[in-house]
Amino acid sequence: MDRRRIFTIIQVGNLSDFPSRAYDISLVIAVAVNIFIAIFDTFEQAAPYEGIIWAVECVTVVFFAIDYILRIWTADYLYENMSPGKARLKFIFSWAGLVDLLSCLPFLVSSGGGALRMF
């Protein structure tokens, strides 16, 4: 699979392309599950499910990290009027790039820190 195809799959909004639509749905589900877990993990009732919570967090964070890497790798298709290096830097420091980084960084830095994870 080439980079342009990966770019078209990971970009939001292509309803007629099944892989793109499946990717969008998977991303929304991963975000929703991660938010639920971050909130649920703050309650005492979550204690018996710590192993499951940790495993689900690992899976979603790996998904978010792969998404972030793919978006950096294909940034030159998003910013076609820039060189690949400048396009990657523009994405990394864009609002979307920073949000993507923050979606996986807190878990990787410390697997505690509920307030940081919820951000």
PDB file of N, CA and C in Angstrom:
ATOM      1  N   MET A   1       0.844  -1.169   0.000  1.00  0.00           N
ATOM      2  CA  MET A   1       0.000   0.000   0.000  1.00  0.00           C
ATOM      3  C   MET A   1       0.899   1.245   0.000  1.00  0.00           C
ATOM      4  N   ASP A   2       0.605   2.179  -0.867  1.00  0.00           N
ATOM      5  CA  ASP A   2       1.461   3.364  -0.963  1.00  0.00           C
ATOM      6  C   ASP A   2       1.005   4.458   0.014  1.00  0.00           C
ATOM      7  N   ARG A   3       1.852   5.456   0.179  1.00  0.00           N
ATOM      8  CA  ARG A   3       1.598   6.535   1.135  1.00  0.00           C
ATOM      9  C   ARG A   3       0.342   7.327   0.809  1.00  0.00           C
ATOM     10  N   ARG A   4       0.091   7.576  -0.457  1.00  0.00           N
ATOM     11  CA  ARG A   4      -1.106   8.346  -0.822  1.00  0.00           C
ATOM     12  C   ARG A   4      -2.369   7.598  -0.409  1.00  0.00           C
ATOM     13  N   ARG A   5      -2.387   6.289  -0.610  1.00  0.00           N
ATOM     14  CA  ARG A   5      -3.558   5.494  -0.213  1.00  0.00           C
ATOM     15  C   ARG A   5      -3.740   5.533   1.303  1.00  0.00           C
ATOM     16  N   ILE A   6      -2.655   5.419   2.030  1.00  0.00           N
ATOM     17  CA  ILE A   6      -2.741   5.516   3.490  1.00  0.00           C
ATOM     18  C   ILE A   6      -3.279   6.884   3.890  1.00  0.00           C
ATOM     19  N   PHE A   7      -2.817   7.928   3.212  1.00  0.00           N
ATOM     20  CA  PHE A   7      -3.301   9.276   3.486  1.00  0.00           C
ATOM     21  C   PHE A   7      -4.814   9.368   3.261  1.00  0.00           C
ATOM     22  N   THR A   8      -5.306   8.804   2.169  1.00  0.00           N
ATOM     23  CA  THR A   8      -6.747   8.884   1.896  1.00  0.00           C
ATOM     24  C   THR A   8      -7.561   8.079   2.910  1.00  0.00           C
ATOM     25  N   ILE A   9      -6.982   7.020   3.438  1.00  0.00           N
ATOM     26  CA  ILE A   9      -7.688   6.216   4.440  1.00  0.00           C
ATOM     27  C   ILE A   9      -7.760   6.949   5.769  1.00  0.00           C
ATOM     28  N   ILE A  10      -6.668   7.567   6.212  1.00  0.00           N
ATOM     29  CA  ILE A  10      -6.655   8.171   7.541  1.00  0.00           C
ATOM     30  C   ILE A  10      -7.290   9.551   7.591  1.00  0.00           C
ATOM     31  N   GLN A  11      -7.576  10.150   6.440  1.00  0.00           N
ATOM     32  CA  GLN A  11      -8.258  11.445   6.437  1.00  0.00           C
ATOM     33  C   GLN A  11      -9.747  11.252   6.662  1.00  0.00           C
ATOM     34  N   VAL A  12     -10.325  12.118   7.458  1.00  0.00           N
ATOM     35  CA  VAL A  12     -11.737  12.020   7.812  1.00  0.00           C
ATOM     36  C   VAL A  12     -12.617  12.472   6.654  1.00  0.00           C
ATOM     37  N   GLY A  13     -13.730  11.800   6.451  1.00  0.00           N
ATOM     38  CA  GLY A  13     -14.749  12.311   5.564  1.00  0.00           C
ATOM     39  C   GLY A  13     -15.008  11.585   4.267  1.00  0.00           C
ATOM     40  N   ASN A  14     -14.303  10.522   3.948  1.00  0.00           N
ATOM     41  CA  ASN A  14     -14.548   9.820   2.696  1.00  0.00           C
ATOM     42  C   ASN A  14     -15.564   8.703   2.940  1.00  0.00           C
ATOM     43  N   LEU A  15     -16.836   9.042   2.810  1.00  0.00           N
ATOM     44  CA  LEU A  15     -17.909   8.092   3.113  1.00  0.00           C
ATOM     45  C   LEU A  15     -18.011   6.953   2.109  1.00  0.00           C
ATOM     46  N   SER A  16     -17.564   7.161   0.887  1.00  0.00           N
ATOM     47  CA  SER A  16     -17.701   6.130  -0.149  1.00  0.00           C
ATOM     48  C   SER A  16     -16.574   5.102  -0.123  1.00  0.00           C
ATOM     49  N   ASP A  17     -15.535   5.341   0.645  1.00  0.00           N
ATOM     50  CA  ASP A  17     -14.381   4.444   0.715  1.00  0.00           C
ATOM     51  C   ASP A  17     -14.465   3.621   2.000  1.00  0.00           C
ATOM     52  N   PHE A  18     -14.746   2.315   1.863  1.00  0.00           N
ATOM     53  CA  PHE A  18     -14.957   1.468   3.043  1.00  0.00           C
ATOM     54  C   PHE A  18     -13.776   1.482   4.011  1.00  0.00           C
ATOM     55  N   PRO A  19     -12.524   1.287   3.567  1.00  0.00           N
ATOM     56  CA  PRO A  19     -11.417   1.318   4.536  1.00  0.00           C
ATOM     57  C   PRO A  19     -11.323   2.659   5.276  1.00  0.00           C
ATOM     58  N   SER A  20     -11.556   3.759   4.564  1.00  0.00           N
ATOM     59  CA  SER A  20     -11.510   5.076   5.189  1.00  0.00           C
ATOM     60  C   SER A  20     -12.621   5.214   6.228  1.00  0.00           C
ATOM     61  N   ARG A  21     -13.801   4.776   5.875  1.00  0.00           N
ATOM     62  CA  ARG A  21     -14.944   4.852   6.804  1.00  0.00           C
ATOM     63  C   ARG A  21     -14.710   3.964   8.022  1.00  0.00           C
ATOM     64  N   ALA A  22     -14.203   2.759   7.805  1.00  0.00           N
ATOM     65  CA  ALA A  22     -13.911   1.845   8.910  1.00  0.00           C
ATOM     66  C   ALA A  22     -12.849   2.435   9.836  1.00  0.00           C
ATOM     67  N   TYR A  23     -11.856   3.081   9.246  1.00  0.00           N
ATOM     68  CA  TYR A  23     -10.805   3.717  10.044  1.00  0.00           C
ATOM     69  C   TYR A  23     -11.394   4.839  10.896  1.00  0.00           C
ATOM     70  N   ASP A  24     -12.246   5.671  10.296  1.00  0.00           N
ATOM     71  CA  ASP A  24     -12.874   6.769  11.028  1.00  0.00           C
ATOM     72  C   ASP A  24     -13.704   6.243  12.198  1.00  0.00           C
ATOM     73  N   ILE A  25     -14.479   5.208  11.941  1.00  0.00           N
ATOM     74  CA  ILE A  25     -15.319   4.622  12.992  1.00  0.00           C
ATOM     75  C   ILE A  25     -14.452   4.025  14.093  1.00  0.00           C
ATOM     76  N   SER A  26     -13.381   3.335  13.706  1.00  0.00           N
ATOM     77  CA  SER A  26     -12.469   2.749  14.695  1.00  0.00           C
ATOM     78  C   SER A  26     -11.831   3.824  15.558  1.00  0.00           C
ATOM     79  N   LEU A  27     -11.469   4.937  14.950  1.00  0.00           N
ATOM     80  CA  LEU A  27     -10.856   6.036  15.690  1.00  0.00           C
ATOM     81  C   LEU A  27     -11.846   6.645  16.682  1.00  0.00           C
ATOM     82  N   VAL A  28     -13.077   6.842  16.266  1.00  0.00           N
ATOM     83  CA  VAL A  28     -14.102   7.395  17.161  1.00  0.00           C
ATOM     84  C   VAL A  28     -14.363   6.440  18.325  1.00  0.00           C
ATOM     85  N   ILE A  29     -14.442   5.155  18.043  1.00  0.00           N
ATOM     86  CA  ILE A  29     -14.657   4.164  19.100  1.00  0.00           C
ATOM     87  C   ILE A  29     -13.481   4.162  20.071  1.00  0.00           C
ATOM     88  N   ALA A  30     -12.259   4.217  19.554  1.00  0.00           N
ATOM     89  CA  ALA A  30     -11.072   4.226  20.419  1.00  0.00           C
ATOM     90  C   ALA A  30     -11.064   5.456  21.322  1.00  0.00           C
ATOM     91  N   VAL A  31     -11.429   6.607  20.782  1.00  0.00           N
ATOM     92  CA  VAL A  31     -11.488   7.833  21.581  1.00  0.00           C
ATOM     93  C   VAL A  31     -12.546   7.695  22.667  1.00  0.00           C
ATOM     94  N   ALA A  32     -13.736   7.227  22.301  1.00  0.00           N
ATOM     95  CA  ALA A  32     -14.824   7.082  23.268  1.00  0.00           C
ATOM     96  C   ALA A  32     -14.460   6.093  24.375  1.00  0.00           C
ATOM     97  N   VAL A  33     -13.888   4.973  24.003  1.00  0.00           N
ATOM     98  CA  VAL A  33     -13.482   3.967  24.987  1.00  0.00           C
ATOM     99  C   VAL A  33     -12.405   4.533  25.904  1.00  0.00           C
ATOM    100  N   ASN A  34     -11.445   5.249  25.336  1.00  0.00           N
ATOM    101  CA  ASN A  34     -10.369   5.823  26.138  1.00  0.00           C
ATOM    102  C   ASN A  34     -10.893   6.864  27.115  1.00  0.00           C
ATOM    103  N   ILE A  35     -11.822   7.698  26.698  1.00  0.00           N
ATOM    104  CA  ILE A  35     -12.420   8.695  27.595  1.00  0.00           C
ATOM    105  C   ILE A  35     -13.201   7.998  28.706  1.00  0.00           C
ATOM    106  N   PHE A  36     -13.992   6.992  28.338  1.00  0.00           N
ATOM    107  CA  PHE A  36     -14.744   6.244  29.342  1.00  0.00           C
ATOM    108  C   PHE A  36     -13.803   5.631  30.379  1.00  0.00           C
ATOM    109  N   ILE A  37     -12.736   5.016  29.919  1.00  0.00           N
ATOM    110  CA  ILE A  37     -11.788   4.370  30.825  1.00  0.00           C
ATOM    111  C   ILE A  37     -11.111   5.393  31.734  1.00  0.00           C
ATOM    112  N   ALA A  38     -10.732   6.532  31.174  1.00  0.00           N
ATOM    113  CA  ALA A  38     -10.081   7.571  31.984  1.00  0.00           C
ATOM    114  C   ALA A  38     -11.002   8.049  33.100  1.00  0.00           C
ATOM    115  N   ILE A  39     -12.288   8.147  32.815  1.00  0.00           N
ATOM    116  CA  ILE A  39     -13.253   8.574  33.839  1.00  0.00           C
ATOM    117  C   ILE A  39     -13.547   7.430  34.802  1.00  0.00           C
ATOM    118  N   PHE A  40     -13.854   6.250  34.268  1.00  0.00           N
ATOM    119  CA  PHE A  40     -14.200   5.094  35.097  1.00  0.00           C
ATOM    120  C   PHE A  40     -13.072   4.718  36.045  1.00  0.00           C
ATOM    121  N   ASP A  41     -11.845   4.876  35.609  1.00  0.00           N
ATOM    122  CA  ASP A  41     -10.676   4.509  36.403  1.00  0.00           C
ATOM    123  C   ASP A  41     -10.541   5.352  37.670  1.00  0.00           C
ATOM    124  N   THR A  42     -11.260   6.459  37.755  1.00  0.00           N
ATOM    125  CA  THR A  42     -11.189   7.306  38.947  1.00  0.00           C
ATOM    126  C   THR A  42     -12.114   6.827  40.064  1.00  0.00           C
ATOM    127  N   PHE A  43     -12.975   5.851  39.791  1.00  0.00           N
ATOM    128  CA  PHE A  43     -13.921   5.334  40.780  1.00  0.00           C
ATOM    129  C   PHE A  43     -13.398   4.050  41.414  1.00  0.00           C
ATOM    130  N   GLU A  44     -13.809   3.821  42.660  1.00  0.00           N
ATOM    131  CA  GLU A  44     -13.406   2.607  43.372  1.00  0.00           C
ATOM    132  C   GLU A  44     -13.885   1.338  42.664  1.00  0.00           C
ATOM    133  N   GLN A  45     -15.030   1.415  42.010  1.00  0.00           N
ATOM    134  CA  GLN A  45     -15.592   0.252  41.332  1.00  0.00           C
ATOM    135  C   GLN A  45     -14.710  -0.252  40.196  1.00  0.00           C
ATOM    136  N   ALA A  46     -13.738   0.544  39.785  1.00  0.00           N
ATOM    137  CA  ALA A  46     -12.852   0.144  38.698  1.00  0.00           C
ATOM    138  C   ALA A  46     -11.754  -0.809  39.156  1.00  0.00           C
ATOM    139  N   ALA A  47     -11.514  -0.869  40.461  1.00  0.00           N
ATOM    140  CA  ALA A  47     -10.399  -1.671  40.995  1.00  0.00           C
ATOM    141  C   ALA A  47     -10.379  -3.115  40.487  1.00  0.00           C
ATOM    142  N   PRO A  48     -11.510  -3.827  40.479  1.00  0.00           N
ATOM    143  CA  PRO A  48     -11.448  -5.219  40.009  1.00  0.00           C
ATOM    144  C   PRO A  48     -11.122  -5.357  38.513  1.00  0.00           C
ATOM    145  N   TYR A  49     -11.251  -4.274  37.777  1.00  0.00           N
ATOM    146  CA  TYR A  49     -11.057  -4.321  36.325  1.00  0.00           C
ATOM    147  C   TYR A  49      -9.732  -3.707  35.874  1.00  0.00           C
ATOM    148  N   GLU A  50      -8.810  -3.491  36.818  1.00  0.00           N
ATOM    149  CA  GLU A  50      -7.547  -2.817  36.481  1.00  0.00           C
ATOM    150  C   GLU A  50      -6.789  -3.485  35.345  1.00  0.00           C
ATOM    151  N   GLY A  51      -6.742  -4.796  35.340  1.00  0.00           N
ATOM    152  CA  GLY A  51      -6.028  -5.507  34.278  1.00  0.00           C
ATOM    153  C   GLY A  51      -6.653  -5.275  32.907  1.00  0.00           C
ATOM    154  N   ILE A  52      -7.967  -5.346  32.858  1.00  0.00           N
ATOM    155  CA  ILE A  52      -8.681  -5.123  31.598  1.00  0.00           C
ATOM    156  C   ILE A  52      -8.515  -3.667  31.160  1.00  0.00           C
ATOM    157  N   ILE A  53      -8.648  -2.745  32.106  1.00  0.00           N
ATOM    158  CA  ILE A  53      -8.507  -1.320  31.799  1.00  0.00           C
ATOM    159  C   ILE A  53      -7.126  -1.041  31.228  1.00  0.00           C
ATOM    160  N   TRP A  54      -6.095  -1.597  31.862  1.00  0.00           N
ATOM    161  CA  TRP A  54      -4.728  -1.369  31.397  1.00  0.00           C
ATOM    162  C   TRP A  54      -4.542  -1.938  29.988  1.00  0.00           C
ATOM    163  N   ALA A  55      -5.066  -3.123  29.736  1.00  0.00           N
ATOM    164  CA  ALA A  55      -4.926  -3.747  28.414  1.00  0.00           C
ATOM    165  C   ALA A  55      -5.631  -2.927  27.338  1.00  0.00           C
ATOM    166  N   VAL A  56      -6.848  -2.467  27.634  1.00  0.00           N
ATOM    167  CA  VAL A  56      -7.593  -1.661  26.664  1.00  0.00           C
ATOM    168  C   VAL A  56      -6.870  -0.338  26.417  1.00  0.00           C
ATOM    169  N   GLU A  57      -6.346   0.269  27.481  1.00  0.00           N
ATOM    170  CA  GLU A  57      -5.577   1.502  27.305  1.00  0.00           C
ATOM    171  C   GLU A  57      -4.358   1.274  26.425  1.00  0.00           C
ATOM    172  N   CYS A  58      -3.675   0.178  26.635  1.00  0.00           N
ATOM    173  CA  CYS A  58      -2.500  -0.137  25.810  1.00  0.00           C
ATOM    174  C   CYS A  58      -2.886  -0.241  24.339  1.00  0.00           C
ATOM    175  N   VAL A  59      -3.956  -0.945  24.052  1.00  0.00           N
ATOM    176  CA  VAL A  59      -4.392  -1.120  22.663  1.00  0.00           C
ATOM    177  C   VAL A  59      -4.759   0.220  22.045  1.00  0.00           C
ATOM    178  N   THR A  60      -5.537   1.027  22.762  1.00  0.00           N
ATOM    179  CA  THR A  60      -5.950   2.314  22.190  1.00  0.00           C
ATOM    180  C   THR A  60      -4.781   3.264  22.033  1.00  0.00           C
ATOM    181  N   VAL A  61      -3.848   3.254  22.985  1.00  0.00           N
ATOM    182  CA  VAL A  61      -2.689   4.139  22.875  1.00  0.00           C
ATOM    183  C   VAL A  61      -1.795   3.720  21.708  1.00  0.00           C
ATOM    184  N   VAL A  62      -1.630   2.438  21.490  1.00  0.00           N
ATOM    185  CA  VAL A  62      -0.868   1.967  20.332  1.00  0.00           C
ATOM    186  C   VAL A  62      -1.563   2.423  19.042  1.00  0.00           C
ATOM    187  N   PHE A  63      -2.882   2.319  19.012  1.00  0.00           N
ATOM    188  CA  PHE A  63      -3.651   2.784  17.846  1.00  0.00           C
ATOM    189  C   PHE A  63      -3.437   4.282  17.639  1.00  0.00           C
ATOM    190  N   PHE A  64      -3.522   5.088  18.712  1.00  0.00           N
ATOM    191  CA  PHE A  64      -3.312   6.527  18.598  1.00  0.00           C
ATOM    192  C   PHE A  64      -1.883   6.847  18.156  1.00  0.00           C
ATOM    193  N   ALA A  65      -0.910   6.115  18.667  1.00  0.00           N
ATOM    194  CA  ALA A  65       0.492   6.352  18.293  1.00  0.00           C
ATOM    195  C   ALA A  65       0.717   6.028  16.810  1.00  0.00           C
ATOM    196  N   ILE A  66       0.152   4.931  16.350  1.00  0.00           N
ATOM    197  CA  ILE A  66       0.277   4.573  14.927  1.00  0.00           C
ATOM    198  C   ILE A  66      -0.400   5.626  14.062  1.00  0.00           C
ATOM    199  N   ASP A  67      -1.569   6.087  14.484  1.00  0.00           N
ATOM    200  CA  ASP A  67      -2.283   7.140  13.756  1.00  0.00           C
ATOM    201  C   ASP A  67      -1.416   8.397  13.667  1.00  0.00           C
ATOM    202  N   TYR A  68      -0.811   8.784  14.768  1.00  0.00           N
ATOM    203  CA  TYR A  68       0.048   9.973  14.810  1.00  0.00           C
ATOM    204  C   TYR A  68       1.235   9.823  13.859  1.00  0.00           C
ATOM    205  N   ILE A  69       1.876   8.679  13.897  1.00  0.00           N
ATOM    206  CA  ILE A  69       3.032   8.423  13.028  1.00  0.00           C
ATOM    207  C   ILE A  69       2.608   8.453  11.557  1.00  0.00           C
ATOM    208  N   LEU A  70       1.475   7.830  11.242  1.00  0.00           N
ATOM    209  CA  LEU A  70       0.991   7.827   9.852  1.00  0.00           C
ATOM    210  C   LEU A  70       0.658   9.239   9.376  1.00  0.00           C
ATOM    211  N   ARG A  71       0.096  10.049  10.247  1.00  0.00           N
ATOM    212  CA  ARG A  71      -0.238  11.424   9.869  1.00  0.00           C
ATOM    213  C   ARG A  71       1.016  12.263   9.634  1.00  0.00           C
ATOM    214  N   ILE A  72       2.046  12.028  10.428  1.00  0.00           N
ATOM    215  CA  ILE A  72       3.328  12.721  10.190  1.00  0.00           C
ATOM    216  C   ILE A  72       3.922  12.243   8.871  1.00  0.00           C
ATOM    217  N   TRP A  73       3.903  10.936   8.652  1.00  0.00           N
ATOM    218  CA  TRP A  73       4.493  10.330   7.456  1.00  0.00           C
ATOM    219  C   TRP A  73       3.814  10.805   6.172  1.00  0.00           C
ATOM    220  N   THR A  74       2.514  11.102   6.248  1.00  0.00           N
ATOM    221  CA  THR A  74       1.770  11.513   5.056  1.00  0.00           C
ATOM    222  C   THR A  74       1.454  13.009   5.041  1.00  0.00           C
ATOM    223  N   ALA A  75       2.072  13.785   5.909  1.00  0.00           N
ATOM    224  CA  ALA A  75       1.769  15.222   6.023  1.00  0.00           C
ATOM    225  C   ALA A  75       2.031  15.982   4.725  1.00  0.00           C
ATOM    226  N   ASP A  76       2.954  15.521   3.909  1.00  0.00           N
ATOM    227  CA  ASP A  76       3.224  16.228   2.645  1.00  0.00           C
ATOM    228  C   ASP A  76       2.048  16.152   1.673  1.00  0.00           C
ATOM    229  N   TYR A  77       1.116  15.213   1.866  1.00  0.00           N
ATOM    230  CA  TYR A  77      -0.101  15.181   1.052  1.00  0.00           C
ATOM    231  C   TYR A  77      -1.139  16.161   1.613  1.00  0.00           C
ATOM    232  N   LEU A  78      -1.073  16.412   2.904  1.00  0.00           N
ATOM    233  CA  LEU A  78      -1.981  17.372   3.527  1.00  0.00           C
ATOM    234  C   LEU A  78      -1.578  18.802   3.178  1.00  0.00           C
ATOM    235  N   TYR A  79      -0.273  19.046   3.187  1.00  0.00           N
ATOM    236  CA  TYR A  79       0.286  20.364   2.849  1.00  0.00           C
ATOM    237  C   TYR A  79       1.110  20.217   1.572  1.00  0.00           C
ATOM    238  N   GLU A  80       0.426  20.103   0.463  1.00  0.00           N
ATOM    239  CA  GLU A  80       1.083  19.789  -0.812  1.00  0.00           C
ATOM    240  C   GLU A  80       2.004  20.882  -1.321  1.00  0.00           C
ATOM    241  N   ASN A  81       1.826  22.103  -0.875  1.00  0.00           N
ATOM    242  CA  ASN A  81       2.663  23.199  -1.361  1.00  0.00           C
ATOM    243  C   ASN A  81       3.959  23.351  -0.564  1.00  0.00           C
ATOM    244  N   MET A  82       4.237  22.405   0.338  1.00  0.00           N
ATOM    245  CA  MET A  82       5.436  22.471   1.172  1.00  0.00           C
ATOM    246  C   MET A  82       6.334  21.269   0.910  1.00  0.00           C
ATOM    247  N   SER A  83       7.586  21.428   1.274  1.00  0.00           N
ATOM    248  CA  SER A  83       8.501  20.289   1.213  1.00  0.00           C
ATOM    249  C   SER A  83       8.066  19.269   2.273  1.00  0.00           C
ATOM    250  N   PRO A  84       8.437  18.000   2.098  1.00  0.00           N
ATOM    251  CA  PRO A  84       8.030  16.989   3.083  1.00  0.00           C
ATOM    252  C   PRO A  84       8.445  17.338   4.519  1.00  0.00           C
ATOM    253  N   GLY A  85       9.643  17.841   4.688  1.00  0.00           N
ATOM    254  CA  GLY A  85      10.111  18.192   6.037  1.00  0.00           C
ATOM    255  C   GLY A  85       9.295  19.314   6.659  1.00  0.00           C
ATOM    256  N   LYS A  86       9.037  20.356   5.891  1.00  0.00           N
ATOM    257  CA  LYS A  86       8.238  21.472   6.402  1.00  0.00           C
ATOM    258  C   LYS A  86       6.794  21.043   6.652  1.00  0.00           C
ATOM    259  N   ALA A  87       6.262  20.204   5.785  1.00  0.00           N
ATOM    260  CA  ALA A  87       4.892  19.715   5.973  1.00  0.00           C
ATOM    261  C   ALA A  87       4.782  18.901   7.262  1.00  0.00           C
ATOM    262  N   ARG A  88       5.771  18.075   7.527  1.00  0.00           N
ATOM    263  CA  ARG A  88       5.761  17.274   8.761  1.00  0.00           C
ATOM    264  C   ARG A  88       5.833  18.168   9.990  1.00  0.00           C
ATOM    265  N   LEU A  89       6.712  19.152   9.952  1.00  0.00           N
ATOM    266  CA  LEU A  89       6.822  20.087  11.079  1.00  0.00           C
ATOM    267  C   LEU A  89       5.533  20.873  11.266  1.00  0.00           C
ATOM    268  N   LYS A  90       4.934  21.290  10.166  1.00  0.00           N
ATOM    269  CA  LYS A  90       3.671  22.030  10.250  1.00  0.00           C
ATOM    270  C   LYS A  90       2.603  21.167  10.911  1.00  0.00           C
ATOM    271  N   PHE A  91       2.531  19.877  10.530  1.00  0.00           N
ATOM    272  CA  PHE A  91       1.549  19.002  11.159  1.00  0.00           C
ATOM    273  C   PHE A  91       1.867  18.792  12.633  1.00  0.00           C
ATOM    274  N   ILE A  92       3.106  18.518  12.964  1.00  0.00           N
ATOM    275  CA  ILE A  92       3.490  18.254  14.353  1.00  0.00           C
ATOM    276  C   ILE A  92       3.089  19.408  15.259  1.00  0.00           C
ATOM    277  N   PHE A  93       3.272  20.646  14.788  1.00  0.00           N
ATOM    278  CA  PHE A  93       2.983  21.812  15.614  1.00  0.00           C
ATOM    279  C   PHE A  93       1.591  22.409  15.352  1.00  0.00           C
ATOM    280  N   SER A  94       0.784  21.736  14.523  1.00  0.00           N
ATOM    281  CA  SER A  94      -0.590  22.190  14.301  1.00  0.00           C
ATOM    282  C   SER A  94      -1.456  21.752  15.483  1.00  0.00           C
ATOM    283  N   TRP A  95      -2.651  22.324  15.562  1.00  0.00           N
ATOM    284  CA  TRP A  95      -3.583  21.935  16.624  1.00  0.00           C
ATOM    285  C   TRP A  95      -3.858  20.432  16.566  1.00  0.00           C
ATOM    286  N   ALA A  96      -4.150  19.911  15.389  1.00  0.00           N
ATOM    287  CA  ALA A  96      -4.448  18.480  15.238  1.00  0.00           C
ATOM    288  C   ALA A  96      -3.243  17.625  15.628  1.00  0.00           C
ATOM    289  N   GLY A  97      -2.050  18.054  15.241  1.00  0.00           N
ATOM    290  CA  GLY A  97      -0.843  17.309  15.576  1.00  0.00           C
ATOM    291  C   GLY A  97      -0.585  17.283  17.068  1.00  0.00           C
ATOM    292  N   LEU A  98      -0.785  18.407  17.726  1.00  0.00           N
ATOM    293  CA  LEU A  98      -0.583  18.473  19.176  1.00  0.00           C
ATOM    294  C   LEU A  98      -1.625  17.634  19.913  1.00  0.00           C
ATOM    295  N   VAL A  99      -2.867  17.667  19.452  1.00  0.00           N
ATOM    296  CA  VAL A  99      -3.915  16.840  20.058  1.00  0.00           C
ATOM    297  C   VAL A  99      -3.582  15.352  19.869  1.00  0.00           C
ATOM    298  N   ASP A 100      -3.131  14.997  18.682  1.00  0.00           N
ATOM    299  CA  ASP A 100      -2.745  13.599  18.429  1.00  0.00           C
ATOM    300  C   ASP A 100      -1.596  13.170  19.330  1.00  0.00           C
ATOM    301  N   LEU A 101      -0.617  14.040  19.498  1.00  0.00           N
ATOM    302  CA  LEU A 101       0.512  13.723  20.378  1.00  0.00           C
ATOM    303  C   LEU A 101       0.039  13.552  21.809  1.00  0.00           C
ATOM    304  N   LEU A 102      -0.818  14.460  22.266  1.00  0.00           N
ATOM    305  CA  LEU A 102      -1.314  14.386  23.637  1.00  0.00           C
ATOM    306  C   LEU A 102      -2.244  13.206  23.874  1.00  0.00           C
ATOM    307  N   SER A 103      -2.757  12.599  22.803  1.00  0.00           N
ATOM    308  CA  SER A 103      -3.627  11.441  22.968  1.00  0.00           C
ATOM    309  C   SER A 103      -2.853  10.192  23.375  1.00  0.00           C
ATOM    310  N   CYS A 104      -1.570  10.160  23.089  1.00  0.00           N
ATOM    311  CA  CYS A 104      -0.793   8.966  23.465  1.00  0.00           C
ATOM    312  C   CYS A 104       0.351   9.280  24.424  1.00  0.00           C
ATOM    313  N   LEU A 105       0.851  10.486  24.428  1.00  0.00           N
ATOM    314  CA  LEU A 105       2.006  10.828  25.253  1.00  0.00           C
ATOM    315  C   LEU A 105       1.796  10.637  26.753  1.00  0.00           C
ATOM    316  N   PRO A 106       0.671  11.086  27.332  1.00  0.00           N
ATOM    317  CA  PRO A 106       0.512  10.923  28.783  1.00  0.00           C
ATOM    318  C   PRO A 106       0.588   9.473  29.241  1.00  0.00           C
ATOM    319  N   PHE A 107       0.018   8.558  28.477  1.00  0.00           N
ATOM    320  CA  PHE A 107       0.067   7.144  28.848  1.00  0.00           C
ATOM    321  C   PHE A 107       1.490   6.622  28.760  1.00  0.00           C
ATOM    322  N   LEU A 108       2.211   7.040  27.739  1.00  0.00           N
ATOM    323  CA  LEU A 108       3.572   6.562  27.558  1.00  0.00           C
ATOM    324  C   LEU A 108       4.522   7.136  28.601  1.00  0.00           C
ATOM    325  N   VAL A 109       4.279   8.383  29.030  1.00  0.00           N
ATOM    326  CA  VAL A 109       5.138   9.030  30.028  1.00  0.00           C
ATOM    327  C   VAL A 109       4.894   8.437  31.403  1.00  0.00           C
ATOM    328  N   SER A 110       3.627   8.349  31.782  1.00  0.00           N
ATOM    329  CA  SER A 110       3.300   7.739  33.077  1.00  0.00           C
ATOM    330  C   SER A 110       1.953   7.066  32.955  1.00  0.00           C
ATOM    331  N   SER A 111       1.903   5.805  33.272  1.00  0.00           N
ATOM    332  CA  SER A 111       0.636   5.101  33.127  1.00  0.00           C
ATOM    333  C   SER A 111      -0.299   5.394  34.291  1.00  0.00           C
ATOM    334  N   GLY A 112       0.061   6.324  35.142  1.00  0.00           N
ATOM    335  CA  GLY A 112      -0.840   6.849  36.170  1.00  0.00           C
ATOM    336  C   GLY A 112      -1.427   8.121  35.626  1.00  0.00           C
ATOM    337  N   GLY A 113      -1.385   9.185  36.416  1.00  0.00           N
ATOM    338  CA  GLY A 113      -1.739  10.531  35.971  1.00  0.00           C
ATOM    339  C   GLY A 113      -3.073  10.660  35.269  1.00  0.00           C
ATOM    340  N   GLY A 114      -4.175  10.358  35.951  1.00  0.00           N
ATOM    341  CA  GLY A 114      -5.498  10.408  35.343  1.00  0.00           C
ATOM    342  C   GLY A 114      -5.856  11.773  34.773  1.00  0.00           C
ATOM    343  N   ALA A 115      -5.492  12.847  35.494  1.00  0.00           N
ATOM    344  CA  ALA A 115      -5.835  14.194  35.009  1.00  0.00           C
ATOM    345  C   ALA A 115      -5.131  14.483  33.697  1.00  0.00           C
ATOM    346  N   LEU A 116      -3.871  14.087  33.567  1.00  0.00           N
ATOM    347  CA  LEU A 116      -3.126  14.313  32.336  1.00  0.00           C
ATOM    348  C   LEU A 116      -3.700  13.481  31.203  1.00  0.00           C
ATOM    349  N   ARG A 117      -4.101  12.241  31.501  1.00  0.00           N
ATOM    350  CA  ARG A 117      -4.684  11.374  30.473  1.00  0.00           C
ATOM    351  C   ARG A 117      -6.008  11.927  29.980  1.00  0.00           C
ATOM    352  N   MET A 118      -6.820  12.484  30.890  1.00  0.00           N
ATOM    353  CA  MET A 118      -8.117  13.017  30.486  1.00  0.00           C
ATOM    354  C   MET A 118      -7.970  14.220  29.581  1.00  0.00           C
ATOM    355  N   PHE A 119      -6.868  14.977  29.747  1.00  0.00           N
ATOM    356  CA  PHE A 119      -6.621  16.125  28.865  1.00  0.00           C
ATOM    357  C   PHE A 119      -6.506  15.643  27.453  1.00  0.00           C
TER     358      PHE A 119
END
